[in-house]
Amino acid sequence: MSTVVDPHQDPAADDRPAAAVTDVLVLRGAGELVDAHAVEEIVAPAFAADPATALVVDLAAVTYLTMEAVIPFLILARRCAAEGTSLRVVASEPARRKLTSLGLHFTFALEPPPAGA
């Protein structure tokens, strides 16, 4: 079992015990994501994972994201919401702009890439 701690949070400032997570699955996309098929391959491992597995969709290296490519991410987000699975999305500026322009910043908890990444 592993514990996931937010690196931006001061652990001394919070007296609550850290939430225990069985596992964390990181799904990475890079470059131009232009079709649903390419993204389906990226998210496929999430659909086979235990719902207790926390998911991180890492789009920090994505330079272009089409509307068609967003659909599998949206399906994954809806599945996670229905099953209570934790989902975080680390998005590059181009990916963030696309998701925000589609109004999906309310669906995905978007996080910027770490500084220097």
N, C-alpha and C. Protein backbone atom coordinates (compact mmCIF):
# COMPACT_ATOMS: atom_id res chain seq x y z
N MET A 1 0.84 -1.16 0.00
CA MET A 1 0.00 0.00 0.00
C MET A 1 0.89 1.23 0.00
N SER A 2 0.51 2.27 -0.75
CA SER A 2 1.28 3.49 -0.78
C SER A 2 0.42 4.65 -0.31
N THR A 3 1.05 5.69 0.13
CA THR A 3 0.34 6.89 0.56
C THR A 3 0.67 7.98 -0.43
N VAL A 4 -0.33 8.70 -0.86
CA VAL A 4 -0.14 9.79 -1.80
C VAL A 4 -0.29 11.09 -1.03
N VAL A 5 0.70 11.94 -1.12
CA VAL A 5 0.68 13.23 -0.44
C VAL A 5 0.83 14.32 -1.48
N ASP A 6 0.02 15.36 -1.37
CA ASP A 6 0.10 16.49 -2.28
C ASP A 6 1.42 17.21 -2.03
N PRO A 7 2.32 17.30 -3.02
CA PRO A 7 3.62 17.93 -2.79
C PRO A 7 3.51 19.43 -2.52
N HIS A 8 2.37 20.05 -2.83
CA HIS A 8 2.19 21.47 -2.62
C HIS A 8 1.61 21.77 -1.24
N GLN A 9 1.28 20.75 -0.50
CA GLN A 9 0.67 20.92 0.81
C GLN A 9 1.71 20.69 1.89
N ASP A 10 1.73 21.57 2.87
CA ASP A 10 2.65 21.43 3.99
C ASP A 10 2.09 20.37 4.93
N PRO A 11 2.73 19.19 5.05
CA PRO A 11 2.18 18.13 5.89
C PRO A 11 2.05 18.55 7.35
N ALA A 12 2.88 19.47 7.80
CA ALA A 12 2.79 19.91 9.19
C ALA A 12 1.55 20.77 9.43
N ALA A 13 1.00 21.34 8.38
CA ALA A 13 -0.17 22.22 8.52
C ALA A 13 -1.47 21.44 8.62
N ASP A 14 -1.44 20.16 8.44
CA ASP A 14 -2.65 19.35 8.45
C ASP A 14 -2.47 18.20 9.41
N ASP A 15 -3.32 18.15 10.44
CA ASP A 15 -3.23 17.09 11.45
C ASP A 15 -3.95 15.82 11.04
N ARG A 16 -4.71 15.87 9.94
CA ARG A 16 -5.44 14.69 9.50
C ARG A 16 -4.48 13.65 8.95
N PRO A 17 -4.78 12.36 9.14
CA PRO A 17 -3.91 11.33 8.55
C PRO A 17 -4.02 11.36 7.03
N ALA A 18 -2.93 11.06 6.37
CA ALA A 18 -2.92 11.02 4.91
C ALA A 18 -3.81 9.88 4.43
N ALA A 19 -4.52 10.13 3.33
CA ALA A 19 -5.39 9.11 2.78
C ALA A 19 -4.56 8.00 2.17
N ALA A 20 -4.87 6.78 2.51
CA ALA A 20 -4.15 5.64 1.96
C ALA A 20 -4.77 5.24 0.63
N VAL A 21 -3.93 5.00 -0.33
CA VAL A 21 -4.37 4.60 -1.66
C VAL A 21 -3.66 3.29 -1.98
N THR A 22 -4.41 2.35 -2.52
CA THR A 22 -3.83 1.06 -2.85
C THR A 22 -2.75 1.20 -3.91
N ASP A 23 -3.01 1.98 -4.93
CA ASP A 23 -2.09 2.10 -6.05
C ASP A 23 -2.39 3.39 -6.80
N VAL A 24 -1.43 3.85 -7.58
CA VAL A 24 -1.61 5.01 -8.44
C VAL A 24 -1.19 4.61 -9.84
N LEU A 25 -2.06 4.86 -10.80
CA LEU A 25 -1.79 4.55 -12.20
C LEU A 25 -1.65 5.88 -12.94
N VAL A 26 -0.50 6.08 -13.57
CA VAL A 26 -0.25 7.31 -14.32
C VAL A 26 -0.39 6.99 -15.81
N LEU A 27 -1.26 7.74 -16.47
CA LEU A 27 -1.51 7.57 -17.90
C LEU A 27 -0.91 8.79 -18.60
N ARG A 28 0.06 8.57 -19.50
CA ARG A 28 0.77 9.69 -20.12
C ARG A 28 0.44 9.82 -21.60
N GLY A 29 0.21 11.06 -21.99
CA GLY A 29 0.04 11.40 -23.39
C GLY A 29 1.10 12.43 -23.75
N ALA A 30 1.57 12.41 -24.99
CA ALA A 30 2.60 13.36 -25.40
C ALA A 30 2.40 13.74 -26.86
N GLY A 31 2.92 14.90 -27.20
CA GLY A 31 2.86 15.35 -28.59
C GLY A 31 1.47 15.78 -28.98
N GLU A 32 1.11 15.48 -30.21
CA GLU A 32 -0.20 15.84 -30.73
C GLU A 32 -1.16 14.68 -30.55
N LEU A 33 -2.24 14.91 -29.82
CA LEU A 33 -3.30 13.90 -29.68
C LEU A 33 -4.44 14.34 -30.58
N VAL A 34 -4.53 13.68 -31.75
CA VAL A 34 -5.45 14.15 -32.77
C VAL A 34 -6.65 13.25 -33.01
N ASP A 35 -6.64 12.03 -32.47
CA ASP A 35 -7.80 11.18 -32.70
C ASP A 35 -8.15 10.37 -31.45
N ALA A 36 -9.37 9.92 -31.40
CA ALA A 36 -9.87 9.17 -30.25
C ALA A 36 -9.12 7.85 -30.08
N HIS A 37 -8.73 7.21 -31.17
CA HIS A 37 -8.06 5.91 -31.08
C HIS A 37 -6.75 6.01 -30.28
N ALA A 38 -5.97 7.04 -30.55
CA ALA A 38 -4.70 7.21 -29.85
C ALA A 38 -4.94 7.40 -28.35
N VAL A 39 -5.96 8.17 -28.00
CA VAL A 39 -6.26 8.42 -26.59
C VAL A 39 -6.86 7.17 -25.94
N GLU A 40 -7.65 6.41 -26.69
CA GLU A 40 -8.20 5.16 -26.14
C GLU A 40 -7.08 4.23 -25.70
N GLU A 41 -5.99 4.20 -26.45
CA GLU A 41 -4.83 3.38 -26.07
C GLU A 41 -4.18 3.89 -24.80
N ILE A 42 -4.16 5.20 -24.61
CA ILE A 42 -3.58 5.79 -23.42
C ILE A 42 -4.41 5.45 -22.19
N VAL A 43 -5.74 5.55 -22.30
CA VAL A 43 -6.60 5.36 -21.12
C VAL A 43 -7.01 3.91 -20.88
N ALA A 44 -6.73 3.02 -21.82
CA ALA A 44 -7.15 1.61 -21.70
C ALA A 44 -6.75 0.97 -20.37
N PRO A 45 -5.53 1.16 -19.88
CA PRO A 45 -5.18 0.52 -18.60
C PRO A 45 -6.08 0.95 -17.44
N ALA A 46 -6.64 2.14 -17.51
CA ALA A 46 -7.50 2.62 -16.43
C ALA A 46 -8.77 1.80 -16.33
N PHE A 47 -9.28 1.34 -17.45
CA PHE A 47 -10.53 0.58 -17.44
C PHE A 47 -10.32 -0.83 -16.90
N ALA A 48 -9.08 -1.30 -16.88
CA ALA A 48 -8.78 -2.62 -16.33
C ALA A 48 -8.35 -2.53 -14.86
N ALA A 49 -8.11 -1.31 -14.38
CA ALA A 49 -7.62 -1.13 -13.01
C ALA A 49 -8.74 -1.24 -11.99
N ASP A 50 -8.36 -1.59 -10.79
CA ASP A 50 -9.28 -1.62 -9.65
C ASP A 50 -9.79 -0.20 -9.41
N PRO A 51 -11.09 -0.01 -9.12
CA PRO A 51 -11.61 1.34 -8.86
C PRO A 51 -10.93 2.04 -7.69
N ALA A 52 -10.28 1.29 -6.80
CA ALA A 52 -9.56 1.91 -5.68
C ALA A 52 -8.23 2.51 -6.12
N THR A 53 -7.82 2.24 -7.36
CA THR A 53 -6.57 2.77 -7.88
C THR A 53 -6.77 4.23 -8.28
N ALA A 54 -5.97 5.10 -7.71
CA ALA A 54 -6.02 6.52 -8.08
C ALA A 54 -5.43 6.68 -9.47
N LEU A 55 -6.01 7.56 -10.27
CA LEU A 55 -5.54 7.78 -11.64
C LEU A 55 -5.01 9.19 -11.80
N VAL A 56 -3.89 9.30 -12.52
CA VAL A 56 -3.33 10.59 -12.90
C VAL A 56 -3.19 10.56 -14.42
N VAL A 57 -3.85 11.48 -15.09
CA VAL A 57 -3.70 11.62 -16.53
C VAL A 57 -2.69 12.73 -16.73
N ASP A 58 -1.51 12.36 -17.23
CA ASP A 58 -0.41 13.31 -17.40
C ASP A 58 -0.38 13.78 -18.85
N LEU A 59 -0.87 15.00 -19.06
CA LEU A 59 -0.87 15.61 -20.39
C LEU A 59 0.12 16.76 -20.44
N ALA A 60 1.12 16.73 -19.57
CA ALA A 60 2.11 17.81 -19.49
C ALA A 60 2.90 17.97 -20.78
N ALA A 61 3.08 16.90 -21.53
CA ALA A 61 3.87 16.95 -22.76
C ALA A 61 3.00 17.03 -24.02
N VAL A 62 1.71 17.28 -23.86
CA VAL A 62 0.81 17.37 -25.00
C VAL A 62 0.91 18.77 -25.61
N THR A 63 1.16 18.81 -26.92
CA THR A 63 1.31 20.09 -27.62
C THR A 63 0.05 20.49 -28.38
N TYR A 64 -0.82 19.51 -28.65
CA TYR A 64 -2.05 19.78 -29.40
C TYR A 64 -3.07 18.72 -29.04
N LEU A 65 -4.31 19.13 -28.85
CA LEU A 65 -5.38 18.22 -28.46
C LEU A 65 -6.63 18.58 -29.24
N THR A 66 -7.15 17.61 -30.00
CA THR A 66 -8.36 17.87 -30.78
C THR A 66 -9.60 17.55 -29.94
N MET A 67 -10.75 18.03 -30.43
CA MET A 67 -12.02 17.74 -29.75
C MET A 67 -12.28 16.24 -29.75
N GLU A 68 -11.98 15.57 -30.84
CA GLU A 68 -12.19 14.13 -30.94
C GLU A 68 -11.35 13.38 -29.91
N ALA A 69 -10.14 13.85 -29.67
CA ALA A 69 -9.25 13.18 -28.73
C ALA A 69 -9.69 13.37 -27.28
N VAL A 70 -10.51 14.36 -27.02
CA VAL A 70 -10.99 14.62 -25.66
C VAL A 70 -12.02 13.59 -25.21
N ILE A 71 -12.75 13.01 -26.15
CA ILE A 71 -13.87 12.11 -25.82
C ILE A 71 -13.46 10.95 -24.91
N PRO A 72 -12.39 10.20 -25.19
CA PRO A 72 -12.02 9.12 -24.27
C PRO A 72 -11.67 9.62 -22.86
N PHE A 73 -11.09 10.81 -22.76
CA PHE A 73 -10.81 11.37 -21.43
C PHE A 73 -12.11 11.67 -20.70
N LEU A 74 -13.09 12.18 -21.42
CA LEU A 74 -14.39 12.47 -20.82
C LEU A 74 -15.09 11.19 -20.36
N ILE A 75 -15.01 10.14 -21.16
CA ILE A 75 -15.59 8.84 -20.77
C ILE A 75 -14.90 8.33 -19.51
N LEU A 76 -13.58 8.47 -19.45
CA LEU A 76 -12.84 8.05 -18.26
C LEU A 76 -13.27 8.86 -17.04
N ALA A 77 -13.42 10.16 -17.18
CA ALA A 77 -13.83 11.00 -16.06
C ALA A 77 -15.20 10.61 -15.54
N ARG A 78 -16.12 10.32 -16.43
CA ARG A 78 -17.47 9.90 -16.02
C ARG A 78 -17.43 8.56 -15.30
N ARG A 79 -16.60 7.64 -15.78
CA ARG A 79 -16.46 6.34 -15.12
C ARG A 79 -15.88 6.52 -13.73
N CYS A 80 -14.87 7.35 -13.61
CA CYS A 80 -14.24 7.60 -12.31
C CYS A 80 -15.24 8.21 -11.33
N ALA A 81 -16.04 9.15 -11.81
CA ALA A 81 -17.04 9.77 -10.95
C ALA A 81 -18.07 8.74 -10.49
N ALA A 82 -18.49 7.87 -11.38
CA ALA A 82 -19.49 6.86 -11.04
C ALA A 82 -18.96 5.83 -10.05
N GLU A 83 -17.67 5.51 -10.14
CA GLU A 83 -17.08 4.48 -9.29
C GLU A 83 -16.35 5.04 -8.07
N GLY A 84 -16.29 6.37 -7.97
CA GLY A 84 -15.60 6.97 -6.85
C GLY A 84 -14.08 6.88 -6.95
N THR A 85 -13.57 6.75 -8.15
CA THR A 85 -12.13 6.66 -8.38
C THR A 85 -11.53 8.06 -8.43
N SER A 86 -10.41 8.24 -7.76
CA SER A 86 -9.71 9.52 -7.77
C SER A 86 -9.08 9.75 -9.14
N LEU A 87 -9.29 10.94 -9.71
CA LEU A 87 -8.74 11.28 -11.02
C LEU A 87 -8.16 12.68 -10.97
N ARG A 88 -6.89 12.79 -11.34
CA ARG A 88 -6.21 14.09 -11.47
C ARG A 88 -5.73 14.22 -12.90
N VAL A 89 -5.76 15.43 -13.43
CA VAL A 89 -5.27 15.70 -14.78
C VAL A 89 -4.22 16.80 -14.70
N VAL A 90 -3.00 16.44 -15.09
CA VAL A 90 -1.90 17.40 -15.18
C VAL A 90 -1.85 17.82 -16.65
N ALA A 91 -2.12 19.10 -16.92
CA ALA A 91 -2.29 19.52 -18.30
C ALA A 91 -1.32 20.62 -18.70
N SER A 92 -0.74 20.45 -19.90
CA SER A 92 0.09 21.50 -20.49
C SER A 92 -0.83 22.68 -20.82
N GLU A 93 -0.25 23.81 -21.14
CA GLU A 93 -1.06 24.98 -21.49
C GLU A 93 -1.96 24.71 -22.70
N PRO A 94 -1.47 24.08 -23.79
CA PRO A 94 -2.37 23.80 -24.91
C PRO A 94 -3.53 22.86 -24.52
N ALA A 95 -3.23 21.84 -23.72
CA ALA A 95 -4.30 20.92 -23.29
C ALA A 95 -5.28 21.63 -22.37
N ARG A 96 -4.76 22.46 -21.48
CA ARG A 96 -5.62 23.22 -20.56
C ARG A 96 -6.53 24.16 -21.34
N ARG A 97 -5.98 24.85 -22.35
CA ARG A 97 -6.80 25.77 -23.16
C ARG A 97 -7.93 25.01 -23.85
N LYS A 98 -7.62 23.84 -24.42
CA LYS A 98 -8.65 23.07 -25.13
C LYS A 98 -9.74 22.62 -24.16
N LEU A 99 -9.34 22.03 -23.04
CA LEU A 99 -10.31 21.53 -22.07
C LEU A 99 -11.16 22.66 -21.50
N THR A 100 -10.53 23.80 -21.26
CA THR A 100 -11.27 24.95 -20.73
C THR A 100 -12.22 25.51 -21.77
N SER A 101 -11.77 25.60 -23.02
CA SER A 101 -12.64 26.13 -24.08
C SER A 101 -13.87 25.26 -24.30
N LEU A 102 -13.74 23.98 -23.98
CA LEU A 102 -14.88 23.06 -24.10
C LEU A 102 -15.72 23.01 -22.82
N GLY A 103 -15.33 23.79 -21.83
CA GLY A 103 -16.07 23.82 -20.57
C GLY A 103 -15.77 22.62 -19.68
N LEU A 104 -14.72 21.88 -19.99
CA LEU A 104 -14.42 20.66 -19.24
C LEU A 104 -13.53 20.90 -18.03
N HIS A 105 -13.14 22.14 -17.79
CA HIS A 105 -12.38 22.43 -16.59
C HIS A 105 -13.23 22.23 -15.34
N PHE A 106 -14.55 22.12 -15.52
CA PHE A 106 -15.44 21.79 -14.39
C PHE A 106 -15.52 20.28 -14.20
N THR A 107 -15.23 19.52 -15.25
CA THR A 107 -15.28 18.06 -15.20
C THR A 107 -13.97 17.48 -14.71
N PHE A 108 -12.87 18.04 -15.17
CA PHE A 108 -11.54 17.57 -14.81
C PHE A 108 -10.93 18.52 -13.79
N ALA A 109 -10.31 17.96 -12.78
CA ALA A 109 -9.52 18.76 -11.84
C ALA A 109 -8.18 19.00 -12.50
N LEU A 110 -8.05 20.13 -13.19
CA LEU A 110 -6.84 20.42 -13.96
C LEU A 110 -5.74 20.98 -13.06
N GLU A 111 -4.55 20.46 -13.24
CA GLU A 111 -3.38 20.92 -12.50
C GLU A 111 -2.31 21.28 -13.52
N PRO A 112 -1.54 22.32 -13.24
CA PRO A 112 -0.43 22.64 -14.14
C PRO A 112 0.71 21.65 -13.95
N PRO A 113 1.55 21.51 -14.95
CA PRO A 113 2.73 20.64 -14.79
C PRO A 113 3.63 21.22 -13.71
N PRO A 114 4.45 20.39 -13.08
CA PRO A 114 5.40 20.91 -12.08
C PRO A 114 6.33 21.92 -12.72
N ALA A 115 6.77 22.90 -11.95
CA ALA A 115 7.70 23.91 -12.46
C ALA A 115 8.95 23.24 -12.99
N GLY A 116 9.39 23.69 -14.15
CA GLY A 116 10.60 23.14 -14.75
C GLY A 116 10.36 21.87 -15.54
N ALA A 117 9.11 21.42 -15.63
CA ALA A 117 8.83 20.19 -16.37
C ALA A 117 8.67 20.47 -17.84
